[in-house]
Amino acid sequence: MKKIPLTDNSGRWFDMDSAKEFRPDSFVSQSGEEVCRVTGLPFLWETLYLTEHGSFILIRTCDRYCPEAEGVVEMDPKSAVQWLIANGHQEEVKKLDLASEESQLEL
């Protein structure tokens, strides 16, 4: 078990070892750097986790010294679906039975 505390000072935590991990999508910039698609930055990355209890947790890490940009926060299902779709995990949205949240995003 790997307990990861949320950074909202609530004392809540999640078990990273038992959670399902969703990696961010990326692209290579014109300068050759790998860039996180969601943040648009080569040094700021996000990873989404789904806990065994059904909570979504977003971890934001920064390769540079920027502590205010980093954090571990709970994410509501609609925002999590947005994140999953933006990062190419559309099939996972269907598998997780989150169609109602996905349908709210349709234009």
Protein backbone atom coordinates (compact mmCIF):
# COMPACT_ATOMS: atom_id res chain seq x y z
CA MET A 1 0.00 0.00 0.00
CA LYS A 2 1.30 3.43 -0.95
CA LYS A 3 -0.63 6.17 0.87
CA ILE A 4 -0.66 9.47 -1.00
CA PRO A 5 -2.14 12.38 0.99
CA LEU A 6 -4.30 14.98 -0.73
CA THR A 7 -2.83 18.46 -0.64
CA ASP A 8 -6.05 20.12 0.59
CA ASN A 9 -5.04 19.70 4.26
CA SER A 10 -8.07 17.45 4.84
CA GLY A 11 -6.04 14.49 6.06
CA ARG A 12 -7.57 12.33 3.30
CA TRP A 13 -5.38 10.01 1.27
CA PHE A 14 -5.60 7.33 -1.41
CA ASP A 15 -3.75 4.09 -2.08
CA MET A 16 -1.78 4.63 -5.27
CA ASP A 17 -0.92 0.94 -5.55
CA SER A 18 -4.55 -0.17 -5.80
CA ALA A 19 -5.80 2.77 -7.91
CA LYS A 20 -6.10 2.64 -11.70
CA GLU A 21 -3.65 5.04 -13.35
CA PHE A 22 -4.41 7.11 -16.46
CA ARG A 23 -1.32 8.64 -18.05
CA PRO A 24 -1.50 12.00 -19.81
CA ASP A 25 -1.27 12.34 -23.58
CA SER A 26 1.70 14.27 -24.92
CA PHE A 27 3.16 15.66 -28.10
CA VAL A 28 6.61 16.78 -29.25
CA SER A 29 6.97 20.54 -29.64
CA GLN A 30 8.83 22.23 -32.48
CA SER A 31 11.82 22.54 -30.16
CA GLY A 32 11.79 18.76 -29.62
CA GLU A 33 10.48 18.79 -26.05
CA GLU A 34 7.78 16.37 -24.92
CA VAL A 35 4.77 18.43 -23.81
CA CYS A 36 1.83 17.42 -21.63
CA ARG A 37 -1.28 17.89 -23.80
CA VAL A 38 -3.53 19.05 -20.94
CA THR A 39 -1.19 21.63 -19.41
CA GLY A 40 0.50 22.61 -22.68
CA LEU A 41 3.83 22.72 -20.84
CA PRO A 42 6.88 20.47 -21.04
CA PHE A 43 7.54 20.67 -17.30
CA LEU A 44 4.03 20.41 -15.80
CA TRP A 45 2.40 16.97 -15.95
CA GLU A 46 -0.91 15.54 -14.74
CA THR A 47 -1.83 11.93 -13.99
CA LEU A 48 -5.36 10.82 -13.09
CA TYR A 49 -6.15 7.94 -10.74
CA LEU A 50 -9.40 6.10 -10.05
CA THR A 51 -9.49 4.66 -6.54
CA GLU A 52 -11.08 1.37 -5.53
CA HIS A 53 -13.81 3.45 -3.88
CA GLY A 54 -14.67 5.25 -7.15
CA SER A 55 -13.00 8.61 -6.48
CA PHE A 56 -10.92 10.37 -9.11
CA ILE A 57 -7.62 11.84 -7.92
CA LEU A 58 -5.47 14.19 -10.02
CA ILE A 59 -1.76 14.46 -9.35
CA ARG A 60 0.04 17.42 -10.88
CA THR A 61 3.85 17.35 -10.85
CA CYS A 62 6.36 19.92 -11.97
CA ASP A 63 9.86 19.16 -13.24
CA ARG A 64 10.96 22.65 -12.22
CA TYR A 65 10.76 24.35 -8.84
CA CYS A 66 7.15 25.47 -8.81
CA PRO A 67 5.49 24.16 -5.62
CA GLU A 68 2.27 26.15 -6.13
CA ALA A 69 1.63 24.25 -9.38
CA GLU A 70 1.96 20.81 -7.80
CA GLY A 71 -0.77 19.02 -5.92
CA VAL A 72 -2.94 15.98 -5.25
CA VAL A 73 -6.64 16.77 -5.42
CA GLU A 74 -9.95 14.98 -5.74
CA MET A 75 -11.67 15.58 -9.08
CA ASP A 76 -15.42 15.43 -9.72
CA PRO A 77 -16.60 12.82 -12.27
CA LYS A 78 -17.50 15.34 -14.99
CA SER A 79 -14.06 17.00 -14.83
CA ALA A 80 -12.45 13.55 -14.78
CA VAL A 81 -14.33 12.58 -17.95
CA GLN A 82 -13.16 15.80 -19.60
CA TRP A 83 -9.59 14.96 -18.61
CA LEU A 84 -9.90 11.36 -19.84
CA ILE A 85 -11.29 12.43 -23.22
CA ALA A 86 -8.66 15.17 -23.65
CA ASN A 87 -5.95 12.58 -23.03
CA GLY A 88 -7.25 9.93 -25.44
CA HIS A 89 -8.95 7.61 -22.94
CA GLN A 90 -12.40 7.62 -24.60
CA GLU A 91 -12.69 3.84 -24.45
CA GLU A 92 -12.06 3.91 -20.70
CA VAL A 93 -14.93 6.39 -20.28
CA LYS A 94 -17.23 3.80 -21.85
CA LYS A 95 -15.78 0.94 -19.79
CA LEU A 96 -16.23 2.94 -16.58
CA ASP A 97 -19.89 3.54 -17.43
CA LEU A 98 -19.51 7.33 -17.39
CA ALA A 99 -21.72 7.94 -20.43
CA SER A 100 -24.00 10.36 -18.58
CA GLU A 101 -21.06 12.63 -17.74
CA GLU A 102 -19.74 12.28 -21.30
CA SER A 103 -23.11 13.18 -22.84
CA GLN A 104 -23.09 16.52 -20.96
CA LEU A 105 -19.98 17.46 -22.96
CA GLU A 106 -21.51 16.91 -26.39
CA LEU A 107 -22.03 20.04 -28.48
